[in-house]
Amino acid sequence: MPMTRSVLVEGRPIRVYDGLVALPHVKQLTDAFMGANFVRDEVARADTAGFRHWELNIPLETAPQLMVYQPTLQAVRDFEDGADYRVCRSYCNHAAYGDMLFIHTDIQPGEKGLTALWYIAPEWNAEWGGETLFYNSQMDAEVVVTPKPGRLVVFDGGIPHVGRPPNRICYAPRYTLAFKLQPAVS
């Protein structure tokens, strides 16, 4: 599996993959999300519940039909040296200029889980912002991932992170398609 880069935050890996899905397929996903019924009910943490952001839950039985599903599972196997994980949640976030997003983790302390995050846009300009920042335990940003079209980032769900909304000059939404994964039970 071709990996673009691999970095560590306090010994926990973050891997970035580019080119796993052709851009016309990314455009198809973007078009589908643009017509979807997002709801403003997602929260980053309990203490930020007053600041909800837009999301679209994707039923687990529907997720395998997405063209990025199999490449996600392949990247996770690469990430975990062949270990089996199962998708326990799938959803798409919609962020636009002016939205407030907060630093969070995707799992509780002591849990084991991965996040596979796809950037869904047929084009993206670095001036538009929208990066994902990853923090160490002192809440100091250590890694930044640019939301390039069709990029996948796989990481330990316990790493604090935040997706920043687009800048004022960006009129396109920042779509991220997330798969939350847990170790498969034999």
C-alpha atoms as a PDB file:
ATOM      1  CA  MET A   1       0.000   0.000   0.000  1.00  0.00           C
ATOM      2  CA  PRO A   2       1.655   3.278  -1.068  1.00  0.00           C
ATOM      3  CA  MET A   3       2.018   5.608   1.888  1.00  0.00           C
ATOM      4  CA  THR A   4       2.788   9.305   1.400  1.00  0.00           C
ATOM      5  CA  ARG A   5       4.229   9.832   4.871  1.00  0.00           C
ATOM      6  CA  SER A   6       4.282   8.464   8.387  1.00  0.00           C
ATOM      7  CA  VAL A   7       4.844  10.520  11.539  1.00  0.00           C
ATOM      8  CA  LEU A   8       4.621   9.880  15.266  1.00  0.00           C
ATOM      9  CA  VAL A   9       3.012  11.843  18.062  1.00  0.00           C
ATOM     10  CA  GLU A  10       4.368  10.583  21.391  1.00  0.00           C
ATOM     11  CA  GLY A  11       5.077   7.198  19.797  1.00  0.00           C
ATOM     12  CA  ARG A  12       1.664   6.826  18.153  1.00  0.00           C
ATOM     13  CA  PRO A  13       1.640   6.713  14.355  1.00  0.00           C
ATOM     14  CA  ILE A  14      -0.225   8.897  11.895  1.00  0.00           C
ATOM     15  CA  ARG A  15      -0.075   7.700   8.294  1.00  0.00           C
ATOM     16  CA  VAL A  16      -1.082   9.669   5.228  1.00  0.00           C
ATOM     17  CA  TYR A  17      -2.083   7.959   1.976  1.00  0.00           C
ATOM     18  CA  ASP A  18      -2.583   9.677  -1.369  1.00  0.00           C
ATOM     19  CA  GLY A  19      -3.782   8.239  -4.667  1.00  0.00           C
ATOM     20  CA  LEU A  20      -5.831   5.331  -3.293  1.00  0.00           C
ATOM     21  CA  VAL A  21      -8.963   6.536  -5.088  1.00  0.00           C
ATOM     22  CA  ALA A  22      -9.163   8.267  -8.471  1.00  0.00           C
ATOM     23  CA  LEU A  23     -10.254  11.909  -8.404  1.00  0.00           C
ATOM     24  CA  PRO A  24     -13.391  11.270 -10.510  1.00  0.00           C
ATOM     25  CA  HIS A  25     -14.568   8.967  -7.683  1.00  0.00           C
ATOM     26  CA  VAL A  26     -13.811  11.685  -5.133  1.00  0.00           C
ATOM     27  CA  LYS A  27     -15.903  14.094  -7.236  1.00  0.00           C
ATOM     28  CA  GLN A  28     -18.780  11.574  -7.215  1.00  0.00           C
ATOM     29  CA  LEU A  29     -18.638  11.440  -3.418  1.00  0.00           C
ATOM     30  CA  THR A  30     -18.508  15.235  -3.202  1.00  0.00           C
ATOM     31  CA  ASP A  31     -21.554  15.516  -5.438  1.00  0.00           C
ATOM     32  CA  ALA A  32     -23.423  12.973  -3.320  1.00  0.00           C
ATOM     33  CA  PHE A  33     -22.583  14.803  -0.086  1.00  0.00           C
ATOM     34  CA  MET A  34     -23.578  18.159  -1.564  1.00  0.00           C
ATOM     35  CA  GLY A  35     -27.103  16.805  -1.998  1.00  0.00           C
ATOM     36  CA  ALA A  36     -27.276  15.079   1.392  1.00  0.00           C
ATOM     37  CA  ASN A  37     -29.272  16.093   4.447  1.00  0.00           C
ATOM     38  CA  PHE A  38     -26.672  17.030   7.031  1.00  0.00           C
ATOM     39  CA  VAL A  39     -27.825  17.739  10.573  1.00  0.00           C
ATOM     40  CA  ARG A  40     -26.177  20.035  13.082  1.00  0.00           C
ATOM     41  CA  ASP A  41     -25.915  17.630  16.004  1.00  0.00           C
ATOM     42  CA  GLU A  42     -22.284  16.506  16.223  1.00  0.00           C
ATOM     43  CA  VAL A  43     -20.216  17.661  19.211  1.00  0.00           C
ATOM     44  CA  ALA A  44     -16.489  17.335  19.778  1.00  0.00           C
ATOM     45  CA  ARG A  45     -16.607  17.035  23.569  1.00  0.00           C
ATOM     46  CA  ALA A  46     -19.254  17.209  26.286  1.00  0.00           C
ATOM     47  CA  ASP A  47     -18.047  20.654  27.389  1.00  0.00           C
ATOM     48  CA  THR A  48     -18.508  22.048  23.848  1.00  0.00           C
ATOM     49  CA  ALA A  49     -22.062  20.754  23.361  1.00  0.00           C
ATOM     50  CA  GLY A  50     -23.289  24.305  22.747  1.00  0.00           C
ATOM     51  CA  PHE A  51     -21.267  24.391  19.530  1.00  0.00           C
ATOM     52  CA  ARG A  52     -22.648  21.674  17.300  1.00  0.00           C
ATOM     53  CA  HIS A  53     -21.378  21.033  13.805  1.00  0.00           C
ATOM     54  CA  TRP A  54     -22.816  19.477  10.669  1.00  0.00           C
ATOM     55  CA  GLU A  55     -22.623  15.739  10.077  1.00  0.00           C
ATOM     56  CA  LEU A  56     -24.267  12.994   8.084  1.00  0.00           C
ATOM     57  CA  ASN A  57     -24.375   9.555   9.672  1.00  0.00           C
ATOM     58  CA  ILE A  58     -23.819   6.714   7.219  1.00  0.00           C
ATOM     59  CA  PRO A  59     -25.489   3.462   8.289  1.00  0.00           C
ATOM     60  CA  LEU A  60     -23.010   0.632   8.856  1.00  0.00           C
ATOM     61  CA  GLU A  61     -24.850  -1.528   6.330  1.00  0.00           C
ATOM     62  CA  THR A  62     -24.431   1.222   3.707  1.00  0.00           C
ATOM     63  CA  ALA A  63     -20.766   2.028   4.387  1.00  0.00           C
ATOM     64  CA  PRO A  64     -19.354  -0.997   2.464  1.00  0.00           C
ATOM     65  CA  GLN A  65     -21.008   0.375  -0.699  1.00  0.00           C
ATOM     66  CA  LEU A  66     -18.826   3.499  -0.591  1.00  0.00           C
ATOM     67  CA  MET A  67     -15.949   3.390  -3.078  1.00  0.00           C
ATOM     68  CA  VAL A  68     -13.490   4.309  -0.324  1.00  0.00           C
ATOM     69  CA  TYR A  69     -14.516   1.479   2.020  1.00  0.00           C
ATOM     70  CA  GLN A  70     -12.184  -1.262   0.747  1.00  0.00           C
ATOM     71  CA  PRO A  71      -9.190   1.091   0.366  1.00  0.00           C
ATOM     72  CA  THR A  72      -9.849   2.151   3.971  1.00  0.00           C
ATOM     73  CA  LEU A  73      -9.713  -1.438   5.231  1.00  0.00           C
ATOM     74  CA  GLN A  74      -6.528  -2.070   3.223  1.00  0.00           C
ATOM     75  CA  ALA A  75      -4.866   1.025   4.696  1.00  0.00           C
ATOM     76  CA  VAL A  76      -5.916  -0.024   8.208  1.00  0.00           C
ATOM     77  CA  ARG A  77      -4.386  -3.489   7.664  1.00  0.00           C
ATOM     78  CA  ASP A  78      -1.196  -1.760   6.493  1.00  0.00           C
ATOM     79  CA  PHE A  79      -1.313   0.583   9.489  1.00  0.00           C
ATOM     80  CA  GLU A  80      -1.756  -2.266  11.968  1.00  0.00           C
ATOM     81  CA  ASP A  81       0.515  -4.848  10.277  1.00  0.00           C
ATOM     82  CA  GLY A  82      -2.397  -7.022   9.174  1.00  0.00           C
ATOM     83  CA  ALA A  83      -4.509  -6.799  12.341  1.00  0.00           C
ATOM     84  CA  ASP A  84      -8.249  -6.964  11.751  1.00  0.00           C
ATOM     85  CA  TYR A  85     -10.410  -3.979  12.615  1.00  0.00           C
ATOM     86  CA  ARG A  86     -14.116  -3.460  12.103  1.00  0.00           C
ATOM     87  CA  VAL A  87     -15.913  -0.240  11.288  1.00  0.00           C
ATOM     88  CA  CYS A  88     -18.097   0.772  14.231  1.00  0.00           C
ATOM     89  CA  ARG A  89     -19.188   4.192  12.928  1.00  0.00           C
ATOM     90  CA  SER A  90     -19.162   6.000   9.602  1.00  0.00           C
ATOM     91  CA  TYR A  91     -20.124   9.605   8.946  1.00  0.00           C
ATOM     92  CA  CYS A  92     -19.298  12.712   6.938  1.00  0.00           C
ATOM     93  CA  ASN A  93     -18.525  16.102   8.491  1.00  0.00           C
ATOM     94  CA  HIS A  94     -19.351  19.362   6.752  1.00  0.00           C
ATOM     95  CA  ALA A  95     -17.365  22.427   7.835  1.00  0.00           C
ATOM     96  CA  ALA A  96     -17.583  25.912   6.368  1.00  0.00           C
ATOM     97  CA  TYR A  97     -16.062  29.290   7.128  1.00  0.00           C
ATOM     98  CA  GLY A  98     -17.261  30.521  10.519  1.00  0.00           C
ATOM     99  CA  ASP A  99     -17.862  27.081  12.018  1.00  0.00           C
ATOM    100  CA  MET A 100     -16.248  26.391  15.382  1.00  0.00           C
ATOM    101  CA  LEU A 101     -14.539  23.026  15.731  1.00  0.00           C
ATOM    102  CA  PHE A 102     -12.757  21.808  18.875  1.00  0.00           C
ATOM    103  CA  ILE A 103      -9.791  19.629  19.791  1.00  0.00           C
ATOM    104  CA  HIS A 104     -10.945  16.148  20.759  1.00  0.00           C
ATOM    105  CA  THR A 105     -10.094  12.451  20.778  1.00  0.00           C
ATOM    106  CA  ASP A 106     -12.154   9.765  19.079  1.00  0.00           C
ATOM    107  CA  ILE A 107     -11.825   7.156  21.831  1.00  0.00           C
ATOM    108  CA  GLN A 108     -11.896   7.210  25.613  1.00  0.00           C
ATOM    109  CA  PRO A 109      -8.661   6.794  27.619  1.00  0.00           C
ATOM    110  CA  GLY A 110      -7.720   3.116  27.827  1.00  0.00           C
ATOM    111  CA  GLU A 111      -9.693   2.157  24.707  1.00  0.00           C
ATOM    112  CA  LYS A 112      -8.122   0.957  21.482  1.00  0.00           C
ATOM    113  CA  GLY A 113      -9.398   2.330  18.211  1.00  0.00           C
ATOM    114  CA  LEU A 114      -8.395   3.902  14.935  1.00  0.00           C
ATOM    115  CA  THR A 115      -9.810   6.688  12.821  1.00  0.00           C
ATOM    116  CA  ALA A 116      -9.592   6.667   9.040  1.00  0.00           C
ATOM    117  CA  LEU A 117     -10.326  10.147   7.690  1.00  0.00           C
ATOM    118  CA  TRP A 118     -10.863  10.900   3.998  1.00  0.00           C
ATOM    119  CA  TYR A 119     -10.746  14.414   2.565  1.00  0.00           C
ATOM    120  CA  ILE A 120     -13.597  14.611   0.077  1.00  0.00           C
ATOM    121  CA  ALA A 121     -13.270  17.471  -2.399  1.00  0.00           C
ATOM    122  CA  PRO A 122     -12.434  17.435  -6.105  1.00  0.00           C
ATOM    123  CA  GLU A 123     -10.068  20.359  -5.552  1.00  0.00           C
ATOM    124  CA  TRP A 124      -8.503  22.181  -2.634  1.00  0.00           C
ATOM    125  CA  ASN A 125      -6.250  25.212  -2.436  1.00  0.00           C
ATOM    126  CA  ALA A 126      -3.731  25.439   0.415  1.00  0.00           C
ATOM    127  CA  GLU A 127      -4.876  29.038   1.006  1.00  0.00           C
ATOM    128  CA  TRP A 128      -8.328  27.728   1.906  1.00  0.00           C
ATOM    129  CA  GLY A 129      -7.109  26.235   5.209  1.00  0.00           C
ATOM    130  CA  GLY A 130      -9.127  23.324   6.582  1.00  0.00           C
ATOM    131  CA  GLU A 131      -6.107  21.392   7.864  1.00  0.00           C
ATOM    132  CA  THR A 132      -6.277  18.699  10.514  1.00  0.00           C
ATOM    133  CA  LEU A 133      -3.969  19.399  13.454  1.00  0.00           C
ATOM    134  CA  PHE A 134      -2.675  16.683  15.774  1.00  0.00           C
ATOM    135  CA  TYR A 135      -1.556  17.518  19.317  1.00  0.00           C
ATOM    136  CA  ASN A 136       0.663  15.949  21.957  1.00  0.00           C
ATOM    137  CA  SER A 137      -0.465  15.460  25.569  1.00  0.00           C
ATOM    138  CA  GLN A 138       0.602  19.045  26.412  1.00  0.00           C
ATOM    139  CA  MET A 139      -1.817  20.286  23.700  1.00  0.00           C
ATOM    140  CA  ASP A 140       1.018  21.513  21.512  1.00  0.00           C
ATOM    141  CA  ALA A 141       0.366  20.966  17.793  1.00  0.00           C
ATOM    142  CA  GLU A 142       2.929  18.573  16.336  1.00  0.00           C
ATOM    143  CA  VAL A 143       1.505  17.407  13.001  1.00  0.00           C
ATOM    144  CA  VAL A 144      -0.591  19.079  10.327  1.00  0.00           C
ATOM    145  CA  VAL A 145      -2.328  17.296   7.444  1.00  0.00           C
ATOM    146  CA  THR A 146      -3.524  19.296   4.457  1.00  0.00           C
ATOM    147  CA  PRO A 147      -6.984  18.304   3.138  1.00  0.00           C
ATOM    148  CA  LYS A 148      -5.812  17.316  -0.349  1.00  0.00           C
ATOM    149  CA  PRO A 149      -8.497  15.764  -2.575  1.00  0.00           C
ATOM    150  CA  GLY A 150      -8.839  12.034  -1.977  1.00  0.00           C
ATOM    151  CA  ARG A 151      -6.263  11.949   0.807  1.00  0.00           C
ATOM    152  CA  LEU A 152      -6.653   9.412   3.611  1.00  0.00           C
ATOM    153  CA  VAL A 153      -5.119   9.798   7.057  1.00  0.00           C
ATOM    154  CA  VAL A 154      -5.198   6.872   9.508  1.00  0.00           C
ATOM    155  CA  PHE A 155      -4.379   7.457  13.163  1.00  0.00           C
ATOM    156  CA  ASP A 156      -4.771   6.241  16.723  1.00  0.00           C
ATOM    157  CA  GLY A 157      -8.120   7.656  17.873  1.00  0.00           C
ATOM    158  CA  GLY A 158      -6.554   8.655  21.202  1.00  0.00           C
ATOM    159  CA  ILE A 159      -4.401  11.368  19.612  1.00  0.00           C
ATOM    160  CA  PRO A 160      -5.964  14.787  20.289  1.00  0.00           C
ATOM    161  CA  HIS A 161      -6.840  16.438  16.977  1.00  0.00           C
ATOM    162  CA  VAL A 162      -9.055  19.010  15.319  1.00  0.00           C
ATOM    163  CA  GLY A 163     -10.168  19.723  11.784  1.00  0.00           C
ATOM    164  CA  ARG A 164     -10.011  23.435  11.167  1.00  0.00           C
ATOM    165  CA  PRO A 165     -12.782  25.057   9.124  1.00  0.00           C
ATOM    166  CA  PRO A 166     -12.000  26.668   5.776  1.00  0.00           C
ATOM    167  CA  ASN A 167     -10.769  30.261   5.609  1.00  0.00           C
ATOM    168  CA  ARG A 168     -12.934  33.206   4.563  1.00  0.00           C
ATOM    169  CA  ILE A 169     -11.813  33.010   0.907  1.00  0.00           C
ATOM    170  CA  CYS A 170     -13.089  29.445   0.576  1.00  0.00           C
ATOM    171  CA  TYR A 171     -16.677  29.053  -0.571  1.00  0.00           C
ATOM    172  CA  ALA A 172     -16.554  25.250  -0.748  1.00  0.00           C
ATOM    173  CA  PRO A 173     -17.417  23.105   2.268  1.00  0.00           C
ATOM    174  CA  ARG A 174     -14.694  20.966   3.812  1.00  0.00           C
ATOM    175  CA  TYR A 175     -16.041  17.414   3.718  1.00  0.00           C
ATOM    176  CA  THR A 176     -14.317  14.704   5.702  1.00  0.00           C
ATOM    177  CA  LEU A 177     -15.551  11.139   5.616  1.00  0.00           C
ATOM    178  CA  ALA A 178     -14.673   9.342   8.845  1.00  0.00           C
ATOM    179  CA  PHE A 179     -14.560   5.661   9.641  1.00  0.00           C
ATOM    180  CA  LYS A 180     -14.145   4.833  13.330  1.00  0.00           C
ATOM    181  CA  LEU A 181     -12.653   1.374  13.800  1.00  0.00           C
ATOM    182  CA  GLN A 182     -12.273  -1.029  16.706  1.00  0.00           C
ATOM    183  CA  PRO A 183     -10.229  -4.230  16.911  1.00  0.00           C
ATOM    184  CA  ALA A 184     -12.208  -7.152  15.483  1.00  0.00           C
ATOM    185  CA  VAL A 185     -13.197  -9.686  18.107  1.00  0.00           C
ATOM    186  CA  SER A 186     -12.447 -13.266  17.094  1.00  0.00           C
END
